[in-house]
Amino acid sequence: MRYKKLGTSNIDISEICLGTMTWGKQNNQQQADEQIDYALEQGINFFDTAEVYAIPPTPETFGTTEAIIGNWLARNQDKRENIILATKITGPGLPWIRDGEAITGASVIEAVDASLQRLQTDYIDLYQLHWTNRPHPHFGKHWPGSVDLSTIDSEKEIAGMLEILQALETCREAGKIRACGLSDDTPWGLSQYLQLAKEHDLPKMESIQNECNLLHIKDWPYMMESCALSNVSYLAWSPMTRGVLSGKYRNGNVPENSRRAIEDPQRLFRDTEATNNAVDAYYDLAQRHDIPLAELALAWVYQLESVTSTIIGATSLEQLKQNIEAYNLKLSPEILDEINSLLRQHPAPF
């Protein structure tokens, strides 16, 4: 396992990050414990969670994933220093979390304390904003007309960002967080946070985690260039497009306990005819080269130079093992050329 610096911090993170959003819904405490132990054995030191997990988000599952991790930490206190633990504050929109209100300085401090209690730890290594207060082009809203930019008051948004950074500094000074980052944001959002941090001597956003996979490459090159030239780590979430690039949903299949079996269809915007056609094309490519589609999809993200760490998830230990094995798969120039050809044919299928 290789490691990279988290932005400009002194924190070293593994190039694979174990995502945890299934713990508390699709996985129980014992299964989560097995995944944590196995990941550590493989050299993974980076674990990502969020207060809103487990997924799909509900009032009943809110906070359960952090609590599961906290139970493991309570039983393995001697291993805490070996783990880089990341969590996230929920953005606006979910009425059972702070009445669905926007992130404020006060809510940052409140949420950090609540996460620390559930995680049963004294500090969080990386604290992230899960999504923006303003309307944003993520979660399927990356098409023209999906976001009405004329409704966004930039001065109000920047004032809110400054307040958030000031609260993050309060948490950092108190020893509750080591570094902070973004999630599901844009080059404009990142640039504003970086400028405010510099102007006011406040914490720099050391990372951003956005969706990145063979079916969703909108962050190349603009967001990835912003990260590379600003020394901000790019963390890729959903490298298998929520399981779509495993091929398990091909031909209309919906396996038991899969995301599509348990989640509201309205949230599954990746289920389109164009997506199915793209998956079939990648499946055929993988078959020609005798590589499982899931490993092909993961290996492609793992090898992207602009990606600092790839966030993987699994609902079984066997699946986790396969996902980690793909880290050692080196895609040949021939395969990469074929992938680039398919990316041109299927640039944005959902």
Protein backbone atom coordinates (compact mmCIF):
# COMPACT_ATOMS: atom_id res chain seq x y z
CA MET A 1 0.00 0.00 0.00
CA ARG A 2 1.26 3.44 -0.93
CA TYR A 3 0.57 6.63 1.02
CA LYS A 4 0.26 10.31 0.11
CA LYS A 5 0.05 13.54 2.04
CA LEU A 6 -3.41 14.91 2.72
CA GLY A 7 -3.10 18.27 1.01
CA THR A 8 -0.44 20.35 2.75
CA SER A 9 -1.00 18.70 6.13
CA ASN A 10 1.35 16.31 7.90
CA ILE A 11 -1.22 13.52 7.59
CA ASP A 12 -0.35 10.48 5.46
CA ILE A 13 -3.32 8.65 3.93
CA SER A 14 -3.42 5.33 2.10
CA GLU A 15 -4.28 5.41 -1.59
CA ILE A 16 -7.33 3.32 -0.73
CA CYS A 17 -9.88 4.70 1.73
CA LEU A 18 -12.51 2.41 3.23
CA GLY A 19 -15.97 3.93 2.94
CA THR A 20 -18.48 2.88 5.57
CA MET A 21 -21.93 4.04 4.52
CA THR A 22 -23.40 0.50 4.42
CA TRP A 23 -22.63 -0.14 8.09
CA GLY A 24 -25.86 0.03 10.05
CA LYS A 25 -28.12 -0.85 7.12
CA GLN A 26 -26.58 -3.46 4.83
CA ASN A 27 -23.88 -4.46 7.32
CA ASN A 28 -24.00 -5.10 11.06
CA GLN A 29 -21.40 -4.47 13.77
CA GLN A 30 -19.66 -7.83 13.35
CA GLN A 31 -19.32 -7.40 9.59
CA ALA A 32 -18.02 -3.86 10.03
CA ASP A 33 -15.45 -5.07 12.55
CA GLU A 34 -14.26 -7.69 10.05
CA GLN A 35 -13.90 -5.07 7.33
CA ILE A 36 -11.94 -2.69 9.56
CA ASP A 37 -9.58 -5.43 10.73
CA TYR A 38 -8.98 -6.71 7.20
CA ALA A 39 -8.43 -3.21 5.79
CA LEU A 40 -5.83 -2.46 8.45
CA GLU A 41 -4.08 -5.75 7.67
CA GLN A 42 -3.82 -4.64 4.03
CA GLY A 43 -2.22 -1.32 4.99
CA ILE A 44 -5.32 0.84 4.64
CA ASN A 45 -5.24 3.55 7.30
CA PHE A 46 -7.90 5.92 5.90
CA PHE A 47 -11.57 5.47 6.86
CA ASP A 48 -14.41 7.74 5.71
CA THR A 49 -17.83 8.10 7.31
CA ALA A 50 -20.49 10.77 7.88
CA GLU A 51 -23.07 11.71 10.47
CA VAL A 52 -25.85 11.03 7.95
CA TYR A 53 -24.83 7.38 7.45
CA ALA A 54 -26.07 4.65 7.10
CA ILE A 55 -27.30 5.01 3.52
CA PRO A 56 -30.01 5.40 2.36
CA PRO A 57 -30.48 8.25 4.84
CA THR A 58 -33.39 7.90 7.25
CA PRO A 59 -34.17 9.24 10.73
CA GLU A 60 -33.68 5.72 12.08
CA THR A 61 -30.21 5.13 10.58
CA PHE A 62 -28.81 8.64 11.16
CA GLY A 63 -25.55 8.34 13.13
CA THR A 64 -25.51 4.54 13.24
CA THR A 65 -22.36 4.16 11.14
CA GLU A 66 -20.37 6.50 13.36
CA ALA A 67 -21.65 4.58 16.38
CA ILE A 68 -20.50 1.27 14.86
CA ILE A 69 -17.03 2.71 14.27
CA GLY A 70 -17.05 4.09 17.79
CA ASN A 71 -17.80 0.66 19.21
CA TRP A 72 -14.77 -0.75 17.36
CA LEU A 73 -12.56 2.11 18.55
CA ALA A 74 -13.67 1.61 22.15
CA ARG A 75 -12.49 -2.00 21.94
CA ASN A 76 -9.28 -1.13 20.09
CA GLN A 77 -8.04 2.07 21.68
CA ASP A 78 -4.42 1.07 21.08
CA LYS A 79 -5.04 1.26 17.30
CA ARG A 80 -6.57 4.74 17.20
CA GLU A 81 -3.28 6.42 16.29
CA ASN A 82 -2.93 4.09 13.30
CA ILE A 83 -6.19 5.29 11.77
CA ILE A 84 -6.93 8.45 9.79
CA LEU A 85 -10.61 8.95 10.52
CA ALA A 86 -12.73 11.23 8.34
CA THR A 87 -16.35 12.19 8.84
CA LYS A 88 -18.73 14.81 7.47
CA ILE A 89 -21.36 17.30 8.55
CA THR A 90 -24.64 17.01 6.66
CA GLY A 91 -25.66 19.78 4.29
CA PRO A 92 -29.17 21.27 4.14
CA GLY A 93 -32.27 19.38 3.11
CA LEU A 94 -32.86 16.53 5.57
CA PRO A 95 -35.53 17.64 8.07
CA TRP A 96 -34.46 15.20 10.83
CA ILE A 97 -30.94 16.67 10.94
CA ARG A 98 -30.95 20.16 12.46
CA ASP A 99 -34.34 20.79 10.82
CA GLY A 100 -32.77 20.61 7.38
CA GLU A 101 -31.09 23.98 7.83
CA ALA A 102 -27.91 25.19 6.12
CA ILE A 103 -24.51 24.58 7.68
CA THR A 104 -23.52 27.41 10.05
CA GLY A 105 -20.65 28.00 12.41
CA ALA A 106 -22.82 26.92 15.33
CA SER A 107 -23.95 23.74 13.59
CA VAL A 108 -20.33 22.83 12.79
CA ILE A 109 -19.40 22.97 16.47
CA GLU A 110 -22.55 21.06 17.44
CA ALA A 111 -22.03 18.38 14.80
CA VAL A 112 -18.34 17.89 15.62
CA ASP A 113 -19.17 17.28 19.27
CA ALA A 114 -21.96 14.84 18.38
CA SER A 115 -19.70 12.91 15.98
CA LEU A 116 -16.93 12.71 18.59
CA GLN A 117 -19.40 11.23 21.06
CA ARG A 118 -20.69 8.61 18.60
CA LEU A 119 -17.17 7.78 17.40
CA GLN A 120 -15.92 7.50 21.00
CA THR A 121 -12.74 9.38 20.18
CA ASP A 122 -11.13 12.66 21.22
CA TYR A 123 -10.38 13.92 17.73
CA ILE A 124 -11.33 13.63 14.06
CA ASP A 125 -8.47 13.59 11.57
CA LEU A 126 -10.42 15.03 8.63
CA TYR A 127 -13.70 16.89 9.05
CA GLN A 128 -15.62 17.58 5.84
CA LEU A 129 -18.68 19.48 4.64
CA HIS A 130 -20.83 16.78 3.03
CA TRP A 131 -22.43 19.08 0.46
CA THR A 132 -22.82 22.79 -0.10
CA ASN A 133 -25.36 25.20 1.32
CA ARG A 134 -25.99 26.62 -2.15
CA PRO A 135 -27.65 24.64 -4.97
CA HIS A 136 -24.93 22.45 -6.49
CA PRO A 137 -24.41 20.36 -9.65
CA HIS A 138 -23.93 17.04 -7.87
CA PHE A 139 -26.12 13.96 -7.35
CA GLY A 140 -27.33 13.95 -10.95
CA LYS A 141 -27.79 17.73 -11.26
CA HIS A 142 -24.86 18.29 -13.62
CA TRP A 143 -26.95 18.97 -16.71
CA PRO A 144 -27.76 22.49 -18.05
CA GLY A 145 -30.83 23.87 -16.33
CA SER A 146 -30.61 21.57 -13.31
CA VAL A 147 -29.33 24.37 -11.08
CA ASP A 148 -30.62 27.94 -11.32
CA LEU A 149 -27.41 29.89 -10.74
CA SER A 150 -29.33 33.21 -10.77
CA THR A 151 -30.83 32.35 -7.38
CA ILE A 152 -27.45 32.12 -5.65
CA ASP A 153 -26.36 35.15 -3.63
CA SER A 154 -22.57 34.90 -3.86
CA GLU A 155 -21.91 37.46 -1.12
CA LYS A 156 -24.19 35.59 1.28
CA GLU A 157 -22.55 32.28 0.39
CA ILE A 158 -19.04 33.69 0.95
CA ALA A 159 -20.07 35.16 4.31
CA GLY A 160 -21.38 31.73 5.31
CA MET A 161 -18.14 30.10 4.21
CA LEU A 162 -16.16 32.48 6.39
CA GLU A 163 -18.34 31.68 9.39
CA ILE A 164 -17.85 27.94 8.77
CA LEU A 165 -14.08 28.33 8.54
CA GLN A 166 -14.03 30.29 11.79
CA ALA A 167 -15.93 27.47 13.51
CA LEU A 168 -13.56 24.89 12.06
CA GLU A 169 -10.66 26.90 13.46
CA THR A 170 -12.34 26.86 16.88
CA CYS A 171 -12.59 23.07 16.65
CA ARG A 172 -8.99 22.79 15.47
CA GLU A 173 -7.67 24.96 18.30
CA ALA A 174 -9.61 22.79 20.77
CA GLY A 175 -7.89 19.69 19.37
CA LYS A 176 -11.16 18.23 18.09
CA ILE A 177 -10.17 18.14 14.41
CA ARG A 178 -6.78 17.97 12.69
CA ALA A 179 -7.74 18.99 9.14
CA CYS A 180 -10.82 19.97 7.15
CA GLY A 181 -12.08 19.35 3.66
CA LEU A 182 -14.98 19.57 1.24
CA SER A 183 -17.28 17.07 -0.42
CA ASP A 184 -19.54 17.49 -3.44
CA ASP A 185 -18.33 20.99 -4.20
CA THR A 186 -17.07 22.83 -7.28
CA PRO A 187 -13.97 24.75 -8.41
CA TRP A 188 -15.72 28.00 -7.42
CA GLY A 189 -16.49 26.71 -3.93
CA LEU A 190 -12.98 25.39 -3.43
CA SER A 191 -11.39 28.62 -4.63
CA GLN A 192 -13.51 30.73 -2.28
CA TYR A 193 -12.60 28.61 0.74
CA LEU A 194 -8.92 28.73 -0.16
CA GLN A 195 -8.99 32.50 -0.60
CA LEU A 196 -10.86 33.07 2.66
CA ALA A 197 -8.44 30.84 4.56
CA LYS A 198 -5.49 32.80 3.21
CA GLU A 199 -7.02 36.21 3.84
CA HIS A 200 -8.14 35.46 7.40
CA ASP A 201 -5.46 32.97 8.51
CA LEU A 202 -8.00 30.18 8.87
CA PRO A 203 -7.77 26.43 8.16
CA LYS A 204 -7.15 25.48 4.54
CA MET A 205 -9.43 22.93 2.93
CA GLU A 206 -6.97 20.09 2.47
CA SER A 207 -9.18 17.83 0.36
CA ILE A 208 -12.34 17.45 -1.65
CA GLN A 209 -14.22 14.24 -2.28
CA ASN A 210 -16.39 14.06 -5.37
CA GLU A 211 -17.84 11.27 -7.46
CA CYS A 212 -15.37 9.92 -10.03
CA ASN A 213 -15.76 6.78 -12.13
CA LEU A 214 -15.95 5.55 -15.72
CA LEU A 215 -19.51 6.85 -15.99
CA HIS A 216 -18.91 10.19 -14.25
CA ILE A 217 -15.81 12.12 -15.29
CA LYS A 218 -17.08 15.69 -15.04
CA ASP A 219 -14.32 16.68 -12.59
CA TRP A 220 -11.67 16.18 -15.27
CA PRO A 221 -9.96 18.49 -15.95
CA TYR A 222 -11.32 21.55 -14.17
CA MET A 223 -11.78 20.39 -10.57
CA MET A 224 -8.76 18.10 -10.70
CA GLU A 225 -6.60 20.93 -12.07
CA SER A 226 -7.78 23.20 -9.24
CA CYS A 227 -6.81 20.54 -6.71
CA ALA A 228 -3.44 19.72 -8.26
CA LEU A 229 -2.33 23.35 -8.52
CA SER A 230 -3.62 24.26 -5.04
CA ASN A 231 -2.14 21.25 -3.21
CA VAL A 232 -5.59 19.93 -2.35
CA SER A 233 -6.10 16.16 -2.24
CA TYR A 234 -8.75 14.80 -4.58
CA LEU A 235 -10.67 11.90 -3.02
CA ALA A 236 -12.75 9.84 -5.45
CA TRP A 237 -16.01 8.47 -4.14
CA SER A 238 -18.20 5.85 -5.83
CA PRO A 239 -15.51 4.44 -8.16
CA MET A 240 -17.99 1.71 -9.11
CA THR A 241 -20.97 4.08 -9.51
CA ARG A 242 -22.83 2.69 -6.51
CA GLY A 243 -22.27 -0.85 -7.72
CA VAL A 244 -23.41 -0.25 -11.29
CA LEU A 245 -19.92 -0.93 -12.66
CA SER A 246 -19.81 -4.31 -10.97
CA GLY A 247 -22.21 -5.43 -13.66
CA LYS A 248 -24.60 -6.91 -11.11
CA TYR A 249 -27.54 -4.84 -12.39
CA ARG A 250 -27.11 -5.85 -16.04
CA ASN A 251 -30.17 -7.16 -17.87
CA GLY A 252 -32.48 -5.80 -15.20
CA ASN A 253 -31.10 -7.84 -12.31
CA VAL A 254 -31.63 -6.47 -8.78
CA PRO A 255 -29.75 -8.67 -6.28
CA GLU A 256 -31.13 -9.03 -2.77
CA ASN A 257 -29.73 -6.50 -0.27
CA SER A 258 -28.23 -4.41 -3.10
CA ARG A 259 -28.57 -0.63 -3.19
CA ARG A 260 -31.32 -0.83 -5.79
CA ALA A 261 -33.21 -3.33 -3.66
CA ILE A 262 -33.35 -1.09 -0.60
CA GLU A 263 -33.25 2.50 -1.90
CA ASP A 264 -35.95 4.86 -3.12
CA PRO A 265 -36.00 4.62 -6.96
CA GLN A 266 -36.16 8.44 -7.15
CA ARG A 267 -32.59 8.58 -5.79
CA LEU A 268 -31.24 6.10 -8.35
CA PHE A 269 -30.72 8.55 -11.19
CA ARG A 270 -27.94 6.32 -12.55
CA ASP A 271 -30.49 3.80 -13.85
CA THR A 272 -30.82 4.98 -17.44
CA GLU A 273 -30.76 3.36 -20.87
CA ALA A 274 -27.55 5.23 -21.70
CA THR A 275 -25.95 3.94 -18.48
CA ASN A 276 -26.93 0.37 -19.29
CA ASN A 277 -25.42 0.71 -22.77
CA ALA A 278 -22.17 2.09 -21.33
CA VAL A 279 -21.95 -0.69 -18.73
CA ASP A 280 -22.48 -3.29 -21.44
CA ALA A 281 -19.64 -1.76 -23.47
CA TYR A 282 -17.25 -1.81 -20.49
CA TYR A 283 -18.39 -5.32 -19.64
CA ASP A 284 -17.51 -6.49 -23.15
CA LEU A 285 -14.10 -4.81 -22.90
CA ALA A 286 -13.43 -6.49 -19.55
CA GLN A 287 -14.49 -9.86 -20.93
CA ARG A 288 -12.14 -9.56 -23.91
CA HIS A 289 -9.22 -9.02 -21.53
CA ASP A 290 -10.38 -11.61 -18.97
CA ILE A 291 -10.74 -9.04 -16.19
CA PRO A 292 -13.78 -8.78 -13.89
CA LEU A 293 -15.66 -5.58 -14.71
CA ALA A 294 -15.51 -4.40 -11.09
CA GLU A 295 -11.72 -4.74 -11.03
CA LEU A 296 -11.39 -2.92 -14.35
CA ALA A 297 -13.49 -0.01 -13.06
CA LEU A 298 -11.58 0.23 -9.79
CA ALA A 299 -8.15 -0.13 -11.38
CA TRP A 300 -8.94 2.74 -13.75
CA VAL A 301 -9.69 5.11 -10.85
CA TYR A 302 -6.77 3.82 -8.78
CA GLN A 303 -4.34 4.69 -11.58
CA LEU A 304 -5.58 8.26 -12.14
CA GLU A 305 -2.66 10.51 -11.28
CA SER A 306 -4.95 13.28 -10.02
CA VAL A 307 -6.66 11.02 -7.46
CA THR A 308 -4.99 11.00 -4.03
CA SER A 309 -7.17 8.28 -2.53
CA THR A 310 -10.08 6.20 -3.80
CA ILE A 311 -13.00 5.56 -1.45
CA ILE A 312 -14.26 2.01 -1.77
CA GLY A 313 -17.09 0.25 0.01
CA ALA A 314 -18.29 -3.31 0.35
CA THR A 315 -21.23 -5.24 1.75
CA SER A 316 -19.20 -8.42 2.30
CA LEU A 317 -15.65 -9.27 3.28
CA GLU A 318 -15.20 -11.18 0.04
CA GLN A 319 -16.22 -8.12 -1.96
CA LEU A 320 -13.79 -5.98 0.03
CA LYS A 321 -10.97 -8.40 -0.73
CA GLN A 322 -11.71 -8.22 -4.46
CA ASN A 323 -11.88 -4.43 -4.39
CA ILE A 324 -8.49 -4.21 -2.71
CA GLU A 325 -6.97 -6.78 -5.08
CA ALA A 326 -7.80 -4.47 -7.98
CA TYR A 327 -5.30 -1.99 -6.52
CA ASN A 328 -2.50 -4.21 -7.83
CA LEU A 329 -4.01 -4.56 -11.30
CA LYS A 330 -2.01 -2.59 -13.85
CA LEU A 331 -4.00 -1.71 -16.93
CA SER A 332 -2.01 -2.00 -20.13
CA PRO A 333 -1.71 0.88 -22.61
CA GLU A 334 -3.94 -1.12 -24.95
CA ILE A 335 -6.71 -1.39 -22.37
CA LEU A 336 -6.38 2.28 -21.42
CA ASP A 337 -6.71 3.24 -25.08
CA GLU A 338 -9.88 1.16 -25.34
CA ILE A 339 -11.25 2.77 -22.20
CA ASN A 340 -10.51 6.24 -23.57
CA SER A 341 -12.40 5.33 -26.72
CA LEU A 342 -15.43 4.23 -24.69
CA LEU A 343 -15.24 7.39 -22.56
CA ARG A 344 -15.66 9.39 -25.76
CA GLN A 345 -18.62 7.28 -26.81
CA HIS A 346 -20.29 7.36 -23.37
CA PRO A 347 -19.07 10.60 -21.75
CA ALA A 348 -22.05 11.31 -19.48
CA PRO A 349 -24.59 8.50 -19.52
CA PHE A 350 -26.57 9.71 -16.50
